[in-house]
Amino acid sequence: MTDTFAIELAAPGGIDRLRAATRTLPAPASGEVRIRHSAIGVNFVDIYQRTGLYPLGDLPAVLGVEGAGVVEEVGPGVSELAKGDRVAYAGLPVGGYAQARNIPADRLVRIPDGIDDRTAAAAMLRGVTAHMLLRRVFPVGPGTTILMHAAAGGLGLLLTAWAKRLGARVIGTAGSPAKAELALAQGADHVILYREQDFVAETRRLTDGSGVDVAFDGIGGETLTRTLDAVRPFGMVASIGQASGSLPQWPLSELGPRRSLALSRPSVFAYASDVAAYRQATAELFGELLRGLPVTIGAELPLARVADAHVMLERGETIGSLLLAP
């Protein structure tokens, strides 16, 4: 057994429900590995779990679904990993907000030479999500036109750059000129300042009135409702989050027949739980990273300041990925 510093969620609620703790880790069980984190990712899903929007079950619990580090100990039945391997992971089970953790070995992927731990931790969950959206939810290629909300966020920047490599045209939205410039630097063809411009009207203008083929929305609320009018008939809207705190309750008549749209509500956790899909997604992600796919790390805070990281995310103060240093 070994002791590790961690940040626990005592009960659902605000950042005051997060507390520092010392946890005792048992030896890794069969099929498990112990890793010592070198970098930990912070994601909006952590906030959903903290507030109780996505219930966790038994509490106290350690949040965090993304990280990178070094294998410290290997449990019985694990042959594909060895002590000293550099590894990364994304998805359930939670437990990332800790200096060390035990985790099922099938969640871990080796980090190739040429990719540092911070980049891997910043890219894993967003990269698997981007792969899910671009390869499975709506296959993207030359001639595809995308609307990407929050184009300067961690997912927005990575998905924009990856979609451009696939030949797509990307229209993004952003809340400030500085964020717009960042998205444009990642390859976005156009970025709409949604506080100053009507993103539906501007998207229609940029597509000669037809609308985009697919829209990716992590905002929810009124933004998701209005996004329906920015997509062409027989296109798709993928709802991938609810940063606004709510999802609209529509009748099916909102999707058709007038609009004739498809709506997807894909879960990256469900995607990552399929080991074959997870392995394919991470292999393609690391291949793209080695070929220069850019990953933006907007901020890095000590693990003890995870509450500040949540506030930054909730206020929309971040660009790119947000990391914790254990």
Protein backbone atom coordinates (compact mmCIF):
# COMPACT_ATOMS: atom_id res chain seq x y z
CA MET A 1 0.00 0.00 0.00
CA THR A 2 1.05 3.59 -0.54
CA ASP A 3 -0.31 7.00 0.45
CA THR A 4 -1.07 9.67 -2.12
CA PHE A 5 -2.26 13.28 -2.05
CA ALA A 6 -5.62 13.75 -3.76
CA ILE A 7 -8.51 16.18 -4.09
CA GLU A 8 -11.80 14.59 -3.05
CA LEU A 9 -15.39 15.55 -3.77
CA ALA A 10 -17.17 15.31 -0.42
CA ALA A 11 -20.70 15.88 -1.77
CA PRO A 12 -22.31 17.29 -4.93
CA GLY A 13 -22.26 21.08 -5.14
CA GLY A 14 -19.90 24.02 -5.51
CA ILE A 15 -16.14 24.20 -5.39
CA ASP A 16 -16.37 24.29 -1.58
CA ARG A 17 -17.20 20.55 -1.76
CA LEU A 18 -13.68 19.83 -3.04
CA ARG A 19 -11.16 19.04 -0.28
CA ALA A 20 -7.56 17.93 0.07
CA ALA A 21 -7.06 14.40 1.36
CA THR A 22 -4.46 11.70 1.83
CA ARG A 23 -5.62 8.42 0.34
CA THR A 24 -4.14 4.98 0.86
CA LEU A 25 -3.84 2.98 -2.33
CA PRO A 26 -3.82 -0.80 -2.07
CA ALA A 27 -1.60 -2.87 -4.34
CA PRO A 28 -3.02 -2.98 -7.88
CA ALA A 29 -5.66 -5.68 -8.25
CA SER A 30 -5.77 -8.20 -11.06
CA GLY A 31 -5.78 -6.35 -14.37
CA GLU A 32 -4.80 -3.04 -12.75
CA VAL A 33 -1.75 -0.81 -12.84
CA ARG A 34 -0.61 1.94 -10.50
CA ILE A 35 0.59 5.11 -12.20
CA ARG A 36 2.19 8.23 -10.80
CA HIS A 37 0.81 11.25 -12.59
CA SER A 38 3.01 13.78 -14.31
CA ALA A 39 0.08 15.78 -15.75
CA ILE A 40 -3.69 15.73 -15.16
CA GLY A 41 -6.38 17.07 -17.48
CA VAL A 42 -9.36 19.15 -16.33
CA ASN A 43 -12.57 18.89 -18.34
CA PHE A 44 -16.12 20.20 -18.23
CA VAL A 45 -17.36 16.72 -17.39
CA ASP A 46 -15.54 17.12 -14.06
CA ILE A 47 -17.82 20.06 -13.31
CA TYR A 48 -20.91 18.10 -14.33
CA GLN A 49 -19.85 15.37 -11.90
CA ARG A 50 -19.00 17.84 -9.15
CA THR A 51 -22.39 19.54 -9.32
CA GLY A 52 -24.29 16.25 -9.47
CA LEU A 53 -25.55 16.73 -13.03
CA TYR A 54 -23.76 13.45 -13.77
CA PRO A 55 -24.10 11.54 -10.45
CA LEU A 56 -21.04 9.61 -9.30
CA GLY A 57 -22.50 7.21 -6.76
CA ASP A 58 -20.40 6.60 -3.67
CA LEU A 59 -18.82 9.69 -2.12
CA PRO A 60 -16.29 10.95 -1.24
CA ALA A 61 -14.73 10.34 -4.63
CA VAL A 62 -11.77 11.62 -6.62
CA LEU A 63 -12.75 13.33 -9.87
CA GLY A 64 -10.67 13.42 -13.04
CA VAL A 65 -10.92 11.37 -16.25
CA GLU A 66 -7.68 12.22 -18.06
CA GLY A 67 -4.00 12.09 -17.26
CA ALA A 68 -0.49 10.96 -18.07
CA GLY A 69 2.29 9.49 -15.99
CA VAL A 70 4.63 6.59 -15.33
CA VAL A 71 3.76 3.03 -14.37
CA GLU A 72 4.89 2.36 -10.79
CA GLU A 73 3.47 -1.10 -10.15
CA VAL A 74 1.74 -3.76 -12.23
CA GLY A 75 -1.00 -6.02 -10.88
CA PRO A 76 -1.52 -9.72 -11.54
CA GLY A 77 -2.51 -10.66 -15.07
CA VAL A 78 -1.04 -7.55 -16.72
CA SER A 79 1.56 -8.39 -19.35
CA GLU A 80 1.33 -5.54 -21.85
CA LEU A 81 2.71 -2.86 -19.50
CA ALA A 82 5.81 -2.70 -17.33
CA LYS A 83 7.20 -0.53 -14.57
CA GLY A 84 8.64 2.66 -16.01
CA ASP A 85 6.37 2.84 -19.08
CA ARG A 86 5.06 6.32 -19.92
CA VAL A 87 1.30 6.07 -20.31
CA ALA A 88 -1.83 8.17 -20.72
CA TYR A 89 -5.58 7.57 -20.40
CA ALA A 90 -8.99 9.10 -20.93
CA GLY A 91 -12.43 8.07 -19.70
CA LEU A 92 -13.90 6.25 -16.75
CA PRO A 93 -13.32 5.31 -13.98
CA VAL A 94 -12.75 8.64 -12.27
CA GLY A 95 -9.70 9.14 -10.07
CA GLY A 96 -7.39 11.55 -11.87
CA TYR A 97 -7.15 14.32 -9.25
CA ALA A 98 -4.39 12.53 -7.36
CA GLN A 99 -0.62 12.21 -7.41
CA ALA A 100 -1.02 8.47 -7.98
CA ARG A 101 -3.89 6.12 -8.76
CA ASN A 102 -4.77 2.52 -9.59
CA ILE A 103 -6.46 2.10 -12.95
CA PRO A 104 -7.47 -0.80 -15.21
CA ALA A 105 -4.61 -1.58 -17.57
CA ASP A 106 -6.89 -1.53 -20.64
CA ARG A 107 -7.48 2.20 -20.10
CA LEU A 108 -3.78 2.95 -20.54
CA VAL A 109 -1.92 3.60 -23.78
CA ARG A 110 1.82 4.01 -24.11
CA ILE A 111 2.96 7.52 -24.99
CA PRO A 112 5.21 7.37 -28.06
CA ASP A 113 8.67 8.89 -28.07
CA GLY A 114 8.36 12.39 -29.45
CA ILE A 115 5.24 13.26 -27.42
CA ASP A 116 5.72 14.70 -23.94
CA ASP A 117 3.47 13.85 -21.00
CA ARG A 118 1.85 17.27 -20.82
CA THR A 119 0.80 17.14 -24.47
CA ALA A 120 -0.58 13.63 -24.03
CA ALA A 121 -2.60 14.62 -20.96
CA ALA A 122 -3.92 17.72 -22.71
CA ALA A 123 -4.95 15.80 -25.83
CA MET A 124 -6.35 12.46 -24.68
CA LEU A 125 -10.02 13.11 -23.87
CA ARG A 126 -10.41 15.83 -26.46
CA GLY A 127 -8.60 13.74 -29.05
CA VAL A 128 -10.79 10.68 -28.48
CA THR A 129 -13.84 12.98 -28.62
CA ALA A 130 -12.65 14.53 -31.89
CA HIS A 131 -12.06 11.07 -33.37
CA MET A 132 -15.55 9.99 -32.33
CA LEU A 133 -17.11 13.07 -33.93
CA LEU A 134 -15.05 13.17 -37.13
CA ARG A 135 -14.89 9.42 -37.79
CA ARG A 136 -17.99 7.85 -36.23
CA VAL A 137 -20.72 10.44 -35.60
CA PHE A 138 -20.38 12.34 -38.88
CA PRO A 139 -17.55 11.16 -41.17
CA VAL A 140 -15.75 14.30 -42.30
CA GLY A 141 -13.71 14.77 -45.45
CA PRO A 142 -13.09 17.14 -48.36
CA GLY A 143 -16.15 19.27 -48.98
CA THR A 144 -17.62 18.92 -45.49
CA THR A 145 -18.54 22.21 -43.82
CA ILE A 146 -18.54 22.26 -40.01
CA LEU A 147 -19.85 24.71 -37.42
CA MET A 148 -17.76 24.43 -34.25
CA HIS A 149 -19.02 26.28 -31.18
CA ALA A 150 -16.39 27.37 -28.62
CA ALA A 151 -13.75 27.04 -31.31
CA ALA A 152 -11.00 28.34 -28.98
CA GLY A 153 -11.67 25.75 -26.28
CA GLY A 154 -9.58 22.63 -25.87
CA LEU A 155 -11.86 20.47 -28.00
CA GLY A 156 -12.62 23.25 -30.47
CA LEU A 157 -8.98 23.94 -31.27
CA LEU A 158 -8.00 20.29 -31.63
CA LEU A 159 -11.07 19.35 -33.66
CA THR A 160 -10.63 22.38 -35.93
CA ALA A 161 -7.03 21.48 -36.73
CA TRP A 162 -7.86 17.79 -37.26
CA ALA A 163 -10.89 18.55 -39.45
CA LYS A 164 -8.77 20.83 -41.63
CA ARG A 165 -6.31 17.97 -42.13
CA LEU A 166 -9.24 15.90 -43.39
CA GLY A 167 -10.10 18.59 -45.93
CA ALA A 168 -13.11 20.16 -44.19
CA ARG A 169 -14.15 23.78 -44.09
CA VAL A 170 -14.54 24.99 -40.48
CA ILE A 171 -16.68 27.87 -39.26
CA GLY A 172 -16.13 28.56 -35.58
CA THR A 173 -17.71 30.73 -32.91
CA ALA A 174 -15.80 32.54 -30.19
CA GLY A 175 -16.47 35.09 -27.46
CA SER A 176 -13.63 37.54 -28.07
CA PRO A 177 -11.30 38.72 -30.86
CA ALA A 178 -8.34 37.11 -29.07
CA LYS A 179 -10.09 33.73 -29.03
CA ALA A 180 -11.11 34.19 -32.65
CA GLU A 181 -7.49 34.81 -33.63
CA LEU A 182 -6.44 31.64 -31.85
CA ALA A 183 -9.04 29.57 -33.70
CA LEU A 184 -8.02 31.11 -37.01
CA ALA A 185 -4.39 30.25 -36.27
CA GLN A 186 -5.47 26.61 -35.83
CA GLY A 187 -6.94 26.63 -39.32
CA ALA A 188 -10.54 27.80 -38.94
CA ASP A 189 -11.74 29.36 -42.18
CA HIS A 190 -14.06 31.84 -40.43
CA VAL A 191 -14.75 32.67 -36.79
CA ILE A 192 -17.97 34.39 -35.75
CA LEU A 193 -17.91 36.64 -32.68
CA TYR A 194 -21.20 35.46 -31.24
CA ARG A 195 -21.51 38.41 -28.80
CA GLU A 196 -21.42 40.85 -31.72
CA GLN A 197 -22.88 38.83 -34.60
CA ASP A 198 -25.88 36.58 -35.08
CA PHE A 199 -24.11 33.27 -35.58
CA VAL A 200 -27.08 31.74 -37.43
CA ALA A 201 -27.34 34.58 -39.93
CA GLU A 202 -23.57 34.73 -40.38
CA THR A 203 -23.30 30.97 -40.88
CA ARG A 204 -26.03 31.14 -43.49
CA ARG A 205 -24.23 34.01 -45.23
CA LEU A 206 -20.94 32.12 -45.27
CA THR A 207 -22.62 29.06 -46.78
CA ASP A 208 -24.61 30.97 -49.42
CA GLY A 209 -27.80 30.37 -47.47
CA SER A 210 -27.58 26.59 -47.34
CA GLY A 211 -26.19 25.99 -43.83
CA VAL A 212 -23.40 23.71 -42.64
CA ASP A 213 -23.31 19.93 -42.99
CA VAL A 214 -22.74 19.32 -39.27
CA ALA A 215 -22.63 21.46 -36.13
CA PHE A 216 -20.84 20.49 -32.92
CA ASP A 217 -22.33 22.16 -29.84
CA GLY A 218 -21.07 21.87 -26.28
CA ILE A 219 -23.03 24.87 -24.97
CA GLY A 220 -26.61 23.63 -24.83
CA GLY A 221 -29.53 25.88 -23.89
CA GLU A 222 -30.60 28.51 -26.39
CA THR A 223 -27.39 28.08 -28.38
CA LEU A 224 -28.31 24.49 -29.21
CA THR A 225 -31.84 25.49 -30.18
CA ARG A 226 -30.63 28.24 -32.50
CA THR A 227 -28.00 25.97 -34.01
CA LEU A 228 -30.77 23.95 -35.67
CA ASP A 229 -31.27 26.85 -38.07
CA ALA A 230 -27.58 26.95 -39.02
CA VAL A 231 -27.56 23.43 -40.49
CA ARG A 232 -28.63 22.40 -43.99
CA PRO A 233 -31.56 20.03 -44.55
CA PHE A 234 -30.49 16.42 -43.89
CA GLY A 235 -27.48 17.66 -41.97
CA MET A 236 -26.68 16.86 -38.34
CA VAL A 237 -26.38 18.62 -34.99
CA ALA A 238 -24.19 16.84 -32.44
CA SER A 239 -24.85 17.91 -28.84
CA ILE A 240 -21.64 17.19 -26.94
CA GLY A 241 -22.05 19.16 -23.72
CA GLN A 242 -24.08 21.69 -21.80
CA ALA A 243 -21.78 24.41 -20.54
CA SER A 244 -24.83 26.64 -20.19
CA GLY A 245 -26.15 24.22 -17.57
CA SER A 246 -29.22 23.03 -19.44
CA LEU A 247 -30.46 21.17 -22.49
CA PRO A 248 -33.65 22.19 -24.31
CA GLN A 249 -36.66 19.90 -24.19
CA TRP A 250 -37.91 19.83 -27.77
CA PRO A 251 -40.71 17.97 -29.50
CA LEU A 252 -39.45 15.92 -32.43
CA SER A 253 -41.20 18.37 -34.72
CA GLU A 254 -38.29 20.79 -34.11
CA LEU A 255 -36.08 18.45 -36.15
CA GLY A 256 -38.50 17.80 -38.97
CA PRO A 257 -40.08 17.71 -41.36
CA ARG A 258 -39.39 21.43 -41.95
CA ARG A 259 -35.71 21.25 -40.99
CA SER A 260 -35.17 17.55 -41.81
CA LEU A 261 -32.23 17.24 -39.40
CA ALA A 262 -30.54 14.45 -37.51
CA LEU A 263 -29.63 15.01 -33.85
CA SER A 264 -26.84 13.10 -32.12
CA ARG A 265 -26.06 13.08 -28.40
CA PRO A 266 -22.85 10.99 -28.38
CA SER A 267 -20.93 10.08 -25.23
CA VAL A 268 -17.16 9.94 -25.35
CA PHE A 269 -17.28 7.66 -22.30
CA ALA A 270 -19.42 5.17 -24.21
CA TYR A 271 -17.03 5.44 -27.16
CA ALA A 272 -13.96 4.97 -24.97
CA SER A 273 -15.52 2.00 -23.19
CA ASP A 274 -15.28 0.09 -26.47
CA VAL A 275 -11.66 -1.04 -26.19
CA ALA A 276 -11.21 -1.51 -29.94
CA ALA A 277 -12.58 1.97 -30.71
CA TYR A 278 -10.49 3.46 -27.91
CA ARG A 279 -7.30 1.85 -29.21
CA GLN A 280 -8.00 2.98 -32.76
CA ALA A 281 -8.82 6.53 -31.65
CA THR A 282 -5.69 6.91 -29.50
CA ALA A 283 -3.45 5.37 -32.16
CA GLU A 284 -4.76 7.81 -34.77
CA LEU A 285 -4.51 10.68 -32.30
CA PHE A 286 -0.87 9.96 -31.46
CA GLY A 287 -0.11 9.54 -35.14
CA GLU A 288 -1.55 12.98 -35.85
CA LEU A 289 0.34 14.48 -32.91
CA LEU A 290 3.61 13.05 -34.23
CA ARG A 291 2.79 14.62 -37.60
CA GLY A 292 2.36 18.02 -36.00
CA LEU A 293 -1.29 18.24 -34.92
CA PRO A 294 -1.13 21.19 -32.51
CA VAL A 295 -2.28 20.98 -28.89
CA THR A 296 -2.78 24.24 -27.01
CA ILE A 297 -2.27 24.24 -23.23
CA GLY A 298 -3.89 27.42 -22.01
CA ALA A 299 -3.05 27.15 -18.32
CA GLU A 300 -1.45 24.81 -15.81
CA LEU A 301 -2.15 24.96 -12.07
CA PRO A 302 -0.96 22.90 -9.10
CA LEU A 303 -3.25 20.00 -8.19
CA ALA A 304 -4.08 21.74 -4.90
CA ARG A 305 -5.68 24.58 -6.93
CA VAL A 306 -8.18 22.42 -8.80
CA ALA A 307 -11.05 24.56 -7.44
CA ASP A 308 -9.55 27.58 -9.24
CA ALA A 309 -9.37 25.52 -12.42
CA HIS A 310 -13.10 24.73 -12.16
CA VAL A 311 -13.91 28.42 -11.72
CA MET A 312 -11.84 29.33 -14.77
CA LEU A 313 -13.69 26.76 -16.87
CA GLU A 314 -17.12 27.80 -15.63
CA ARG A 315 -16.41 31.48 -16.35
CA GLY A 316 -15.10 30.78 -19.84
CA GLU A 317 -11.69 32.19 -18.97
CA THR A 318 -9.69 29.37 -20.54
CA ILE A 319 -8.34 28.72 -24.00
CA GLY A 320 -7.16 25.34 -25.11
CA SER A 321 -6.63 22.61 -22.54
CA LEU A 322 -6.30 23.10 -18.78
CA LEU A 323 -3.81 20.98 -16.83
CA LEU A 324 -2.99 20.25 -13.20
CA ALA A 325 0.56 19.56 -12.03
CA PRO A 326 0.56 16.86 -9.30
